[in-house]
Amino acid sequence: MFDPDWNPANDAQAMARVWRDGEKKECFIYRLLSTGTIDEKILLRQTHKKGLSSCVVDEEEVERHFSLSELKALFRLESDTLSDTHDKIRCSRCVNGIQVTLPPESATCNNDLSQ
């Protein structure tokens, strides 16, 4: 996937089309993102929207709004990091930017990105 949509449901639908009933082989979905770009920030907004959805559906506590400065930051190029997404989701599988724990076997593209 190289063109993320502001609506996470559209990306979820595209990912669902990768695997069909009766498929015998494993299917993988890769996202192509450049660090600090608007595409990476769209992915972060998708994550935020999914969190809002779970807040309503599952009654989980999630921050519900973002400030004007956060909105302006969407259009600022972040060139001083290896991955803005990785920094913001606080990945628990990596130490010093290196993956030390593999994702769970049951993980899907809809899981919490920090896990």
PDB file of N, CA and C in Angstrom:
ATOM      1  N   MET A   1       0.859  -1.162   0.000  1.00  0.00           N
ATOM      2  CA  MET A   1       0.000   0.000   0.000  1.00  0.00           C
ATOM      3  C   MET A   1       0.904   1.223   0.000  1.00  0.00           C
ATOM      4  N   PHE A   2       0.723   2.078  -0.956  1.00  0.00           N
ATOM      5  CA  PHE A   2       1.599   3.239  -1.042  1.00  0.00           C
ATOM      6  C   PHE A   2       0.839   4.559  -1.106  1.00  0.00           C
ATOM      7  N   ASP A   3      -0.476   4.529  -0.999  1.00  0.00           N
ATOM      8  CA  ASP A   3      -1.258   5.757  -1.030  1.00  0.00           C
ATOM      9  C   ASP A   3      -2.323   5.685   0.061  1.00  0.00           C
ATOM     10  N   PRO A   4      -1.972   6.026   1.319  1.00  0.00           N
ATOM     11  CA  PRO A   4      -2.934   5.893   2.417  1.00  0.00           C
ATOM     12  C   PRO A   4      -4.098   6.866   2.268  1.00  0.00           C
ATOM     13  N   ASP A   5      -5.235   6.456   2.776  1.00  0.00           N
ATOM     14  CA  ASP A   5      -6.444   7.261   2.721  1.00  0.00           C
ATOM     15  C   ASP A   5      -6.704   7.842   4.110  1.00  0.00           C
ATOM     16  N   TRP A   6      -7.282   9.041   4.169  1.00  0.00           N
ATOM     17  CA  TRP A   6      -7.608   9.647   5.461  1.00  0.00           C
ATOM     18  C   TRP A   6      -8.626   8.803   6.217  1.00  0.00           C
ATOM     19  N   ASN A   7      -9.435   8.048   5.498  1.00  0.00           N
ATOM     20  CA  ASN A   7     -10.440   7.198   6.121  1.00  0.00           C
ATOM     21  C   ASN A   7      -9.858   5.794   6.287  1.00  0.00           C
ATOM     22  N   PRO A   8      -9.633   5.349   7.528  1.00  0.00           N
ATOM     23  CA  PRO A   8      -9.035   4.024   7.735  1.00  0.00           C
ATOM     24  C   PRO A   8      -9.883   2.883   7.187  1.00  0.00           C
ATOM     25  N   ALA A   9     -11.181   3.086   7.047  1.00  0.00           N
ATOM     26  CA  ALA A   9     -12.053   2.026   6.514  1.00  0.00           C
ATOM     27  C   ALA A   9     -11.705   1.721   5.063  1.00  0.00           C
ATOM     28  N   ASN A  10     -11.298   2.731   4.301  1.00  0.00           N
ATOM     29  CA  ASN A  10     -10.922   2.494   2.903  1.00  0.00           C
ATOM     30  C   ASN A  10      -9.669   1.633   2.814  1.00  0.00           C
ATOM     31  N   ASP A  11      -8.682   1.895   3.662  1.00  0.00           N
ATOM     32  CA  ASP A  11      -7.475   1.066   3.673  1.00  0.00           C
ATOM     33  C   ASP A  11      -7.796  -0.342   4.165  1.00  0.00           C
ATOM     34  N   ALA A  12      -8.658  -0.454   5.163  1.00  0.00           N
ATOM     35  CA  ALA A  12      -9.039  -1.777   5.676  1.00  0.00           C
ATOM     36  C   ALA A  12      -9.732  -2.592   4.589  1.00  0.00           C
ATOM     37  N   GLN A  13     -10.558  -1.936   3.790  1.00  0.00           N
ATOM     38  CA  GLN A  13     -11.242  -2.629   2.696  1.00  0.00           C
ATOM     39  C   GLN A  13     -10.226  -3.108   1.653  1.00  0.00           C
ATOM     40  N   ALA A  14      -9.254  -2.266   1.330  1.00  0.00           N
ATOM     41  CA  ALA A  14      -8.225  -2.655   0.363  1.00  0.00           C
ATOM     42  C   ALA A  14      -7.408  -3.836   0.889  1.00  0.00           C
ATOM     43  N   MET A  15      -7.097  -3.813   2.192  1.00  0.00           N
ATOM     44  CA  MET A  15      -6.329  -4.918   2.785  1.00  0.00           C
ATOM     45  C   MET A  15      -7.142  -6.204   2.789  1.00  0.00           C
ATOM     46  N   ALA A  16      -8.447  -6.089   3.000  1.00  0.00           N
ATOM     47  CA  ALA A  16      -9.305  -7.277   3.023  1.00  0.00           C
ATOM     48  C   ALA A  16      -9.369  -7.941   1.659  1.00  0.00           C
ATOM     49  N   ARG A  17      -9.140  -7.181   0.606  1.00  0.00           N
ATOM     50  CA  ARG A  17      -9.187  -7.741  -0.751  1.00  0.00           C
ATOM     51  C   ARG A  17      -7.951  -8.568  -1.091  1.00  0.00           C
ATOM     52  N   VAL A  18      -6.918  -8.472  -0.283  1.00  0.00           N
ATOM     53  CA  VAL A  18      -5.689  -9.227  -0.544  1.00  0.00           C
ATOM     54  C   VAL A  18      -5.938 -10.721  -0.341  1.00  0.00           C
ATOM     55  N   TRP A  19      -6.694 -11.069   0.683  1.00  0.00           N
ATOM     56  CA  TRP A  19      -6.955 -12.470   0.999  1.00  0.00           C
ATOM     57  C   TRP A  19      -8.391 -12.813   0.626  1.00  0.00           C
ATOM     58  N   ARG A  20      -8.574 -13.935  -0.002  1.00  0.00           N
ATOM     59  CA  ARG A  20      -9.907 -14.406  -0.381  1.00  0.00           C
ATOM     60  C   ARG A  20     -10.170 -15.776   0.239  1.00  0.00           C
ATOM     61  N   ASP A  21     -11.435 -16.123   0.410  1.00  0.00           N
ATOM     62  CA  ASP A  21     -11.790 -17.454   0.903  1.00  0.00           C
ATOM     63  C   ASP A  21     -11.168 -18.504   0.006  1.00  0.00           C
ATOM     64  N   GLY A  22     -10.604 -19.529   0.617  1.00  0.00           N
ATOM     65  CA  GLY A  22     -10.001 -20.610  -0.141  1.00  0.00           C
ATOM     66  C   GLY A  22      -8.521 -20.406  -0.415  1.00  0.00           C
ATOM     67  N   GLU A  23      -7.986 -19.226  -0.093  1.00  0.00           N
ATOM     68  CA  GLU A  23      -6.554 -18.957  -0.305  1.00  0.00           C
ATOM     69  C   GLU A  23      -5.733 -19.875   0.595  1.00  0.00           C
ATOM     70  N   LYS A  24      -4.752 -20.552   0.027  1.00  0.00           N
ATOM     71  CA  LYS A  24      -3.926 -21.506   0.772  1.00  0.00           C
ATOM     72  C   LYS A  24      -2.601 -20.898   1.234  1.00  0.00           C
ATOM     73  N   LYS A  25      -2.155 -19.859   0.555  1.00  0.00           N
ATOM     74  CA  LYS A  25      -0.858 -19.264   0.880  1.00  0.00           C
ATOM     75  C   LYS A  25      -1.026 -18.104   1.852  1.00  0.00           C
ATOM     76  N   GLU A  26       0.041 -17.841   2.618  1.00  0.00           N
ATOM     77  CA  GLU A  26       0.031 -16.673   3.492  1.00  0.00           C
ATOM     78  C   GLU A  26       0.029 -15.403   2.651  1.00  0.00           C
ATOM     79  N   CYS A  27      -0.681 -14.404   3.116  1.00  0.00           N
ATOM     80  CA  CYS A  27      -0.730 -13.122   2.419  1.00  0.00           C
ATOM     81  C   CYS A  27      -0.098 -12.059   3.309  1.00  0.00           C
ATOM     82  N   PHE A  28       0.674 -11.186   2.707  1.00  0.00           N
ATOM     83  CA  PHE A  28       1.331 -10.120   3.445  1.00  0.00           C
ATOM     84  C   PHE A  28       0.949  -8.784   2.837  1.00  0.00           C
ATOM     85  N   ILE A  29       0.822  -7.790   3.691  1.00  0.00           N
ATOM     86  CA  ILE A  29       0.522  -6.434   3.240  1.00  0.00           C
ATOM     87  C   ILE A  29       1.657  -5.544   3.724  1.00  0.00           C
ATOM     88  N   TYR A  30       2.233  -4.791   2.808  1.00  0.00           N
ATOM     89  CA  TYR A  30       3.312  -3.877   3.149  1.00  0.00           C
ATOM     90  C   TYR A  30       2.852  -2.454   2.880  1.00  0.00           C
ATOM     91  N   ARG A  31       3.221  -1.553   3.761  1.00  0.00           N
ATOM     92  CA  ARG A  31       2.935  -0.133   3.565  1.00  0.00           C
ATOM     93  C   ARG A  31       4.234   0.564   3.209  1.00  0.00           C
ATOM     94  N   LEU A  32       4.208   1.338   2.153  1.00  0.00           N
ATOM     95  CA  LEU A  32       5.368   2.116   1.749  1.00  0.00           C
ATOM     96  C   LEU A  32       5.161   3.556   2.216  1.00  0.00           C
ATOM     97  N   LEU A  33       5.965   3.984   3.171  1.00  0.00           N
ATOM     98  CA  LEU A  33       5.867   5.334   3.726  1.00  0.00           C
ATOM     99  C   LEU A  33       7.243   5.970   3.770  1.00  0.00           C
ATOM    100  N   SER A  34       7.298   7.251   3.574  1.00  0.00           N
ATOM    101  CA  SER A  34       8.548   7.992   3.745  1.00  0.00           C
ATOM    102  C   SER A  34       8.461   8.749   5.056  1.00  0.00           C
ATOM    103  N   THR A  35       9.532   8.698   5.818  1.00  0.00           N
ATOM    104  CA  THR A  35       9.562   9.322   7.135  1.00  0.00           C
ATOM    105  C   THR A  35       9.286  10.808   7.071  1.00  0.00           C
ATOM    106  N   GLY A  36       8.407  11.263   7.950  1.00  0.00           N
ATOM    107  CA  GLY A  36       8.127  12.671   8.101  1.00  0.00           C
ATOM    108  C   GLY A  36       7.213  13.277   7.055  1.00  0.00           C
ATOM    109  N   THR A  37       6.693  12.482   6.135  1.00  0.00           N
ATOM    110  CA  THR A  37       5.856  13.010   5.053  1.00  0.00           C
ATOM    111  C   THR A  37       4.386  13.006   5.458  1.00  0.00           C
ATOM    112  N   ILE A  38       3.570  13.600   4.615  1.00  0.00           N
ATOM    113  CA  ILE A  38       2.135  13.636   4.864  1.00  0.00           C
ATOM    114  C   ILE A  38       1.551  12.223   4.893  1.00  0.00           C
ATOM    115  N   ASP A  39       2.106  11.300   4.099  1.00  0.00           N
ATOM    116  CA  ASP A  39       1.611   9.918   4.104  1.00  0.00           C
ATOM    117  C   ASP A  39       1.786   9.272   5.471  1.00  0.00           C
ATOM    118  N   GLU A  40       2.930   9.517   6.094  1.00  0.00           N
ATOM    119  CA  GLU A  40       3.157   8.962   7.428  1.00  0.00           C
ATOM    120  C   GLU A  40       2.191   9.572   8.430  1.00  0.00           C
ATOM    121  N   LYS A  41       1.920  10.855   8.266  1.00  0.00           N
ATOM    122  CA  LYS A  41       1.006  11.527   9.186  1.00  0.00           C
ATOM    123  C   LYS A  41      -0.433  11.075   8.970  1.00  0.00           C
ATOM    124  N   ILE A  42      -0.780  10.730   7.735  1.00  0.00           N
ATOM    125  CA  ILE A  42      -2.110  10.166   7.469  1.00  0.00           C
ATOM    126  C   ILE A  42      -2.248   8.838   8.208  1.00  0.00           C
ATOM    127  N   LEU A  43      -1.199   8.017   8.181  1.00  0.00           N
ATOM    128  CA  LEU A  43      -1.229   6.743   8.909  1.00  0.00           C
ATOM    129  C   LEU A  43      -1.444   6.988  10.400  1.00  0.00           C
ATOM    130  N   LEU A  44      -0.783   7.996  10.949  1.00  0.00           N
ATOM    131  CA  LEU A  44      -0.977   8.314  12.367  1.00  0.00           C
ATOM    132  C   LEU A  44      -2.407   8.767  12.633  1.00  0.00           C
ATOM    133  N   ARG A  45      -2.999   9.528  11.734  1.00  0.00           N
ATOM    134  CA  ARG A  45      -4.395   9.961  11.887  1.00  0.00           C
ATOM    135  C   ARG A  45      -5.321   8.752  11.812  1.00  0.00           C
ATOM    136  N   GLN A  46      -5.000   7.795  10.926  1.00  0.00           N
ATOM    137  CA  GLN A  46      -5.809   6.571  10.846  1.00  0.00           C
ATOM    138  C   GLN A  46      -5.785   5.851  12.195  1.00  0.00           C
ATOM    139  N   THR A  47      -4.600   5.762  12.780  1.00  0.00           N
ATOM    140  CA  THR A  47      -4.462   5.110  14.083  1.00  0.00           C
ATOM    141  C   THR A  47      -5.294   5.839  15.124  1.00  0.00           C
ATOM    142  N   HIS A  48      -5.259   7.167  15.078  1.00  0.00           N
ATOM    143  CA  HIS A  48      -6.042   7.978  16.012  1.00  0.00           C
ATOM    144  C   HIS A  48      -7.538   7.725  15.813  1.00  0.00           C
ATOM    145  N   LYS A  49      -7.976   7.674  14.554  1.00  0.00           N
ATOM    146  CA  LYS A  49      -9.396   7.435  14.264  1.00  0.00           C
ATOM    147  C   LYS A  49      -9.835   6.050  14.730  1.00  0.00           C
ATOM    148  N   LYS A  50      -8.971   5.053  14.541  1.00  0.00           N
ATOM    149  CA  LYS A  50      -9.311   3.710  15.022  1.00  0.00           C
ATOM    150  C   LYS A  50      -9.447   3.718  16.535  1.00  0.00           C
ATOM    151  N   GLY A  51      -8.593   4.499  17.197  1.00  0.00           N
ATOM    152  CA  GLY A  51      -8.688   4.630  18.650  1.00  0.00           C
ATOM    153  C   GLY A  51      -9.992   5.280  19.062  1.00  0.00           C
ATOM    154  N   LEU A  52     -10.406   6.302  18.326  1.00  0.00           N
ATOM    155  CA  LEU A  52     -11.688   6.946  18.621  1.00  0.00           C
ATOM    156  C   LEU A  52     -12.832   5.964  18.449  1.00  0.00           C
ATOM    157  N   SER A  53     -12.745   5.148  17.400  1.00  0.00           N
ATOM    158  CA  SER A  53     -13.774   4.153  17.149  1.00  0.00           C
ATOM    159  C   SER A  53     -13.871   3.174  18.308  1.00  0.00           C
ATOM    160  N   SER A  54     -12.721   2.691  18.777  1.00  0.00           N
ATOM    161  CA  SER A  54     -12.749   1.742  19.892  1.00  0.00           C
ATOM    162  C   SER A  54     -13.230   2.418  21.170  1.00  0.00           C
ATOM    163  N   CYS A  55     -13.007   3.732  21.279  1.00  0.00           N
ATOM    164  CA  CYS A  55     -13.491   4.486  22.434  1.00  0.00           C
ATOM    165  C   CYS A  55     -15.013   4.454  22.472  1.00  0.00           C
ATOM    166  N   VAL A  56     -15.636   4.622  21.322  1.00  0.00           N
ATOM    167  CA  VAL A  56     -17.093   4.647  21.244  1.00  0.00           C
ATOM    168  C   VAL A  56     -17.665   3.238  21.360  1.00  0.00           C
ATOM    169  N   VAL A  57     -17.089   2.306  20.600  1.00  0.00           N
ATOM    170  CA  VAL A  57     -17.626   0.948  20.547  1.00  0.00           C
ATOM    171  C   VAL A  57     -17.295   0.156  21.811  1.00  0.00           C
ATOM    172  N   ASP A  58     -16.026   0.220  22.236  1.00  0.00           N
ATOM    173  CA  ASP A  58     -15.577  -0.590  23.364  1.00  0.00           C
ATOM    174  C   ASP A  58     -15.492   0.194  24.668  1.00  0.00           C
ATOM    175  N   GLU A  59     -15.870   1.473  24.640  1.00  0.00           N
ATOM    176  CA  GLU A  59     -15.828   2.350  25.796  1.00  0.00           C
ATOM    177  C   GLU A  59     -14.444   2.436  26.416  1.00  0.00           C
ATOM    178  N   GLU A  60     -13.417   2.488  25.555  1.00  0.00           N
ATOM    179  CA  GLU A  60     -12.047   2.662  26.022  1.00  0.00           C
ATOM    180  C   GLU A  60     -11.744   4.150  26.108  1.00  0.00           C
ATOM    181  N   GLU A  61     -10.802   4.511  26.969  1.00  0.00           N
ATOM    182  CA  GLU A  61     -10.395   5.911  27.086  1.00  0.00           C
ATOM    183  C   GLU A  61      -9.340   6.232  26.041  1.00  0.00           C
ATOM    184  N   VAL A  62      -9.631   7.178  25.176  1.00  0.00           N
ATOM    185  CA  VAL A  62      -8.715   7.617  24.135  1.00  0.00           C
ATOM    186  C   VAL A  62      -8.811   9.125  24.055  1.00  0.00           C
ATOM    187  N   GLU A  63      -7.673   9.794  23.831  1.00  0.00           N
ATOM    188  CA  GLU A  63      -7.708  11.236  23.654  1.00  0.00           C
ATOM    189  C   GLU A  63      -8.573  11.547  22.439  1.00  0.00           C
ATOM    190  N   ARG A  64      -9.523  12.482  22.588  1.00  0.00           N
ATOM    191  CA  ARG A  64     -10.534  12.660  21.557  1.00  0.00           C
ATOM    192  C   ARG A  64     -10.271  13.800  20.589  1.00  0.00           C
ATOM    193  N   HIS A  65      -9.418  14.725  20.896  1.00  0.00           N
ATOM    194  CA  HIS A  65      -9.233  15.885  20.033  1.00  0.00           C
ATOM    195  C   HIS A  65      -7.758  16.130  19.803  1.00  0.00           C
ATOM    196  N   PHE A  66      -7.445  16.858  18.763  1.00  0.00           N
ATOM    197  CA  PHE A  66      -6.071  17.304  18.595  1.00  0.00           C
ATOM    198  C   PHE A  66      -6.080  18.809  18.390  1.00  0.00           C
ATOM    199  N   SER A  67      -4.997  19.440  18.804  1.00  0.00           N
ATOM    200  CA  SER A  67      -4.918  20.894  18.841  1.00  0.00           C
ATOM    201  C   SER A  67      -4.599  21.479  17.465  1.00  0.00           C
ATOM    202  N   LEU A  68      -4.703  22.802  17.366  1.00  0.00           N
ATOM    203  CA  LEU A  68      -4.370  23.504  16.138  1.00  0.00           C
ATOM    204  C   LEU A  68      -2.902  23.290  15.785  1.00  0.00           C
ATOM    205  N   SER A  69      -2.037  23.270  16.786  1.00  0.00           N
ATOM    206  CA  SER A  69      -0.609  23.044  16.512  1.00  0.00           C
ATOM    207  C   SER A  69      -0.370  21.641  15.956  1.00  0.00           C
ATOM    208  N   GLU A  70      -1.128  20.650  16.436  1.00  0.00           N
ATOM    209  CA  GLU A  70      -1.012  19.292  15.890  1.00  0.00           C
ATOM    210  C   GLU A  70      -1.509  19.243  14.444  1.00  0.00           C
ATOM    211  N   LEU A  71      -2.555  20.000  14.151  1.00  0.00           N
ATOM    212  CA  LEU A  71      -3.056  20.064  12.785  1.00  0.00           C
ATOM    213  C   LEU A  71      -2.016  20.700  11.862  1.00  0.00           C
ATOM    214  N   LYS A  72      -1.384  21.779  12.298  1.00  0.00           N
ATOM    215  CA  LYS A  72      -0.336  22.418  11.505  1.00  0.00           C
ATOM    216  C   LYS A  72       0.861  21.485  11.320  1.00  0.00           C
ATOM    217  N   ALA A  73       1.137  20.666  12.338  1.00  0.00           N
ATOM    218  CA  ALA A  73       2.276  19.742  12.277  1.00  0.00           C
ATOM    219  C   ALA A  73       2.096  18.679  11.195  1.00  0.00           C
ATOM    220  N   LEU A  74       0.851  18.429  10.769  1.00  0.00           N
ATOM    221  CA  LEU A  74       0.610  17.466   9.697  1.00  0.00           C
ATOM    222  C   LEU A  74       1.354  17.849   8.426  1.00  0.00           C
ATOM    223  N   PHE A  75       1.532  19.135   8.220  1.00  0.00           N
ATOM    224  CA  PHE A  75       2.124  19.617   6.976  1.00  0.00           C
ATOM    225  C   PHE A  75       3.571  20.072   7.149  1.00  0.00           C
ATOM    226  N   ARG A  76       4.185  19.684   8.261  1.00  0.00           N
ATOM    227  CA  ARG A  76       5.592  19.996   8.502  1.00  0.00           C
ATOM    228  C   ARG A  76       6.420  18.732   8.244  1.00  0.00           C
ATOM    229  N   LEU A  77       7.493  18.868   7.463  1.00  0.00           N
ATOM    230  CA  LEU A  77       8.367  17.735   7.183  1.00  0.00           C
ATOM    231  C   LEU A  77       9.239  17.455   8.395  1.00  0.00           C
ATOM    232  N   GLU A  78       9.175  16.236   8.901  1.00  0.00           N
ATOM    233  CA  GLU A  78       9.986  15.819  10.050  1.00  0.00           C
ATOM    234  C   GLU A  78      11.208  15.082   9.517  1.00  0.00           C
ATOM    235  N   SER A  79      12.335  15.762   9.457  1.00  0.00           N
ATOM    236  CA  SER A  79      13.533  15.154   8.870  1.00  0.00           C
ATOM    237  C   SER A  79      14.552  14.714   9.917  1.00  0.00           C
ATOM    238  N   ASP A  80      14.265  14.928  11.185  1.00  0.00           N
ATOM    239  CA  ASP A  80      15.233  14.612  12.234  1.00  0.00           C
ATOM    240  C   ASP A  80      14.943  13.288  12.947  1.00  0.00           C
ATOM    241  N   THR A  81      14.227  12.380  12.284  1.00  0.00           N
ATOM    242  CA  THR A  81      13.903  11.097  12.890  1.00  0.00           C
ATOM    243  C   THR A  81      13.972   9.999  11.833  1.00  0.00           C
ATOM    244  N   LEU A  82      14.220   8.781  12.270  1.00  0.00           N
ATOM    245  CA  LEU A  82      14.186   7.649  11.349  1.00  0.00           C
ATOM    246  C   LEU A  82      12.757   7.275  11.001  1.00  0.00           C
ATOM    247  N   SER A  83      11.835   7.432  11.966  1.00  0.00           N
ATOM    248  CA  SER A  83      10.425   7.141  11.731  1.00  0.00           C
ATOM    249  C   SER A  83       9.569   7.889  12.740  1.00  0.00           C
ATOM    250  N   ASP A  84       8.830   8.862  12.253  1.00  0.00           N
ATOM    251  CA  ASP A  84       7.930   9.631  13.112  1.00  0.00           C
ATOM    252  C   ASP A  84       6.844   8.724  13.683  1.00  0.00           C
ATOM    253  N   THR A  85       6.358   7.795  12.871  1.00  0.00           N
ATOM    254  CA  THR A  85       5.338   6.851  13.334  1.00  0.00           C
ATOM    255  C   THR A  85       5.866   6.022  14.488  1.00  0.00           C
ATOM    256  N   HIS A  86       7.039   5.479  14.316  1.00  0.00           N
ATOM    257  CA  HIS A  86       7.637   4.646  15.355  1.00  0.00           C
ATOM    258  C   HIS A  86       7.797   5.428  16.649  1.00  0.00           C
ATOM    259  N   ASP A  87       8.206   6.687  16.538  1.00  0.00           N
ATOM    260  CA  ASP A  87       8.373   7.533  17.724  1.00  0.00           C
ATOM    261  C   ASP A  87       7.043   7.783  18.414  1.00  0.00           C
ATOM    262  N   LYS A  88       6.005   8.057  17.648  1.00  0.00           N
ATOM    263  CA  LYS A  88       4.714   8.449  18.228  1.00  0.00           C
ATOM    264  C   LYS A  88       3.918   7.284  18.796  1.00  0.00           C
ATOM    265  N   ILE A  89       4.033   6.088  18.225  1.00  0.00           N
ATOM    266  CA  ILE A  89       3.247   4.966  18.751  1.00  0.00           C
ATOM    267  C   ILE A  89       3.926   4.291  19.928  1.00  0.00           C
ATOM    268  N   ARG A  90       5.148   4.687  20.226  1.00  0.00           N
ATOM    269  CA  ARG A  90       5.894   4.121  21.366  1.00  0.00           C
ATOM    270  C   ARG A  90       5.941   2.596  21.282  1.00  0.00           C
ATOM    271  N   CYS A  91       6.524   2.118  20.211  1.00  0.00           N
ATOM    272  CA  CYS A  91       6.612   0.684  19.942  1.00  0.00           C
ATOM    273  C   CYS A  91       7.241  -0.054  21.122  1.00  0.00           C
ATOM    274  N   SER A  92       6.547  -1.078  21.595  1.00  0.00           N
ATOM    275  CA  SER A  92       7.044  -1.847  22.740  1.00  0.00           C
ATOM    276  C   SER A  92       7.868  -3.057  22.304  1.00  0.00           C
ATOM    277  N   ARG A  93       7.995  -3.275  20.983  1.00  0.00           N
ATOM    278  CA  ARG A  93       8.750  -4.428  20.497  1.00  0.00           C
ATOM    279  C   ARG A  93      10.182  -4.072  20.138  1.00  0.00           C
ATOM    280  N   CYS A  94      10.521  -2.786  20.188  1.00  0.00           N
ATOM    281  CA  CYS A  94      11.847  -2.346  19.763  1.00  0.00           C
ATOM    282  C   CYS A  94      12.625  -1.732  20.926  1.00  0.00           C
ATOM    283  N   VAL A  95      13.944  -1.892  20.848  1.00  0.00           N
ATOM    284  CA  VAL A  95      14.852  -1.266  21.793  1.00  0.00           C
ATOM    285  C   VAL A  95      15.866  -0.483  20.975  1.00  0.00           C
ATOM    286  N   ASN A  96      15.939   0.827  21.214  1.00  0.00           N
ATOM    287  CA  ASN A  96      16.843   1.707  20.465  1.00  0.00           C
ATOM    288  C   ASN A  96      16.632   1.589  18.954  1.00  0.00           C
ATOM    289  N   GLY A  97      15.361   1.480  18.545  1.00  0.00           N
ATOM    290  CA  GLY A  97      15.038   1.437  17.125  1.00  0.00           C
ATOM    291  C   GLY A  97      15.254   0.097  16.453  1.00  0.00           C
ATOM    292  N   ILE A  98      15.594  -0.932  17.221  1.00  0.00           N
ATOM    293  CA  ILE A  98      15.825  -2.265  16.656  1.00  0.00           C
ATOM    294  C   ILE A  98      14.785  -3.229  17.219  1.00  0.00           C
ATOM    295  N   GLN A  99      14.089  -3.928  16.316  1.00  0.00           N
ATOM    296  CA  GLN A  99      13.078  -4.883  16.750  1.00  0.00           C
ATOM    297  C   GLN A  99      13.740  -6.044  17.482  1.00  0.00           C
ATOM    298  N   VAL A 100      13.311  -6.260  18.717  1.00  0.00           N
ATOM    299  CA  VAL A 100      13.854  -7.371  19.505  1.00  0.00           C
ATOM    300  C   VAL A 100      12.796  -8.434  19.780  1.00  0.00           C
ATOM    301  N   THR A 101      11.526  -8.089  19.587  1.00  0.00           N
ATOM    302  CA  THR A 101      10.435  -9.024  19.798  1.00  0.00           C
ATOM    303  C   THR A 101       9.559  -9.044  18.552  1.00  0.00           C
ATOM    304  N   LEU A 102       9.308 -10.222  18.026  1.00  0.00           N
ATOM    305  CA  LEU A 102       8.443 -10.351  16.854  1.00  0.00           C
ATOM    306  C   LEU A 102       6.994 -10.092  17.251  1.00  0.00           C
ATOM    307  N   PRO A 103       6.158  -9.670  16.296  1.00  0.00           N
ATOM    308  CA  PRO A 103       4.737  -9.494  16.613  1.00  0.00           C
ATOM    309  C   PRO A 103       4.102 -10.847  16.939  1.00  0.00           C
ATOM    310  N   PRO A 104       3.014 -10.838  17.686  1.00  0.00           N
ATOM    311  CA  PRO A 104       2.349 -12.101  18.011  1.00  0.00           C
ATOM    312  C   PRO A 104       1.887 -12.829  16.751  1.00  0.00           C
ATOM    313  N   GLU A 105       1.834 -14.142  16.800  1.00  0.00           N
ATOM    314  CA  GLU A 105       1.395 -14.949  15.655  1.00  0.00           C
ATOM    315  C   GLU A 105      -0.010 -14.555  15.209  1.00  0.00           C
ATOM    316  N   SER A 106      -0.840 -14.145  16.167  1.00  0.00           N
ATOM    317  CA  SER A 106      -2.226 -13.808  15.857  1.00  0.00           C
ATOM    318  C   SER A 106      -2.389 -12.379  15.342  1.00  0.00           C
ATOM    319  N   ALA A 107      -1.295 -11.641  15.185  1.00  0.00           N
ATOM    320  CA  ALA A 107      -1.375 -10.236  14.765  1.00  0.00           C
ATOM    321  C   ALA A 107      -1.909 -10.111  13.348  1.00  0.00           C
ATOM    322  N   THR A 108      -2.743  -9.096  13.153  1.00  0.00           N
ATOM    323  CA  THR A 108      -3.257  -8.772  11.824  1.00  0.00           C
ATOM    324  C   THR A 108      -2.993  -7.300  11.570  1.00  0.00           C
ATOM    325  N   CYS A 109      -3.368  -6.843  10.388  1.00  0.00           N
ATOM    326  CA  CYS A 109      -3.146  -5.438  10.048  1.00  0.00           C
ATOM    327  C   CYS A 109      -4.061  -4.512  10.848  1.00  0.00           C
ATOM    328  N   ASN A 110      -4.977  -5.047  11.626  1.00  0.00           N
ATOM    329  CA  ASN A 110      -5.877  -4.233  12.437  1.00  0.00           C
ATOM    330  C   ASN A 110      -5.454  -4.153  13.897  1.00  0.00           C
ATOM    331  N   ASN A 111      -4.333  -4.791  14.260  1.00  0.00           N
ATOM    332  CA  ASN A 111      -3.879  -4.762  15.638  1.00  0.00           C
ATOM    333  C   ASN A 111      -3.298  -3.406  15.996  1.00  0.00           C
ATOM    334  N   ASP A 112      -3.124  -3.203  17.284  1.00  0.00           N
ATOM    335  CA  ASP A 112      -2.472  -2.009  17.811  1.00  0.00           C
ATOM    336  C   ASP A 112      -1.043  -1.978  17.271  1.00  0.00           C
ATOM    337  N   LEU A 113      -0.666  -0.890  16.592  1.00  0.00           N
ATOM    338  CA  LEU A 113       0.652  -0.803  15.963  1.00  0.00           C
ATOM    339  C   LEU A 113       1.797  -0.867  16.956  1.00  0.00           C
ATOM    340  N   SER A 114       1.571  -0.462  18.204  1.00  0.00           N
ATOM    341  CA  SER A 114       2.649  -0.484  19.181  1.00  0.00           C
ATOM    342  C   SER A 114       2.963  -1.893  19.649  1.00  0.00           C
ATOM    343  N   GLN A 115       2.071  -2.848  19.364  1.00  0.00           N
ATOM    344  CA  GLN A 115       2.272  -4.234  19.764  1.00  0.00           C
ATOM    345  C   GLN A 115       2.780  -5.073  18.600  1.00  0.00           C
TER     346      GLN A 115
END
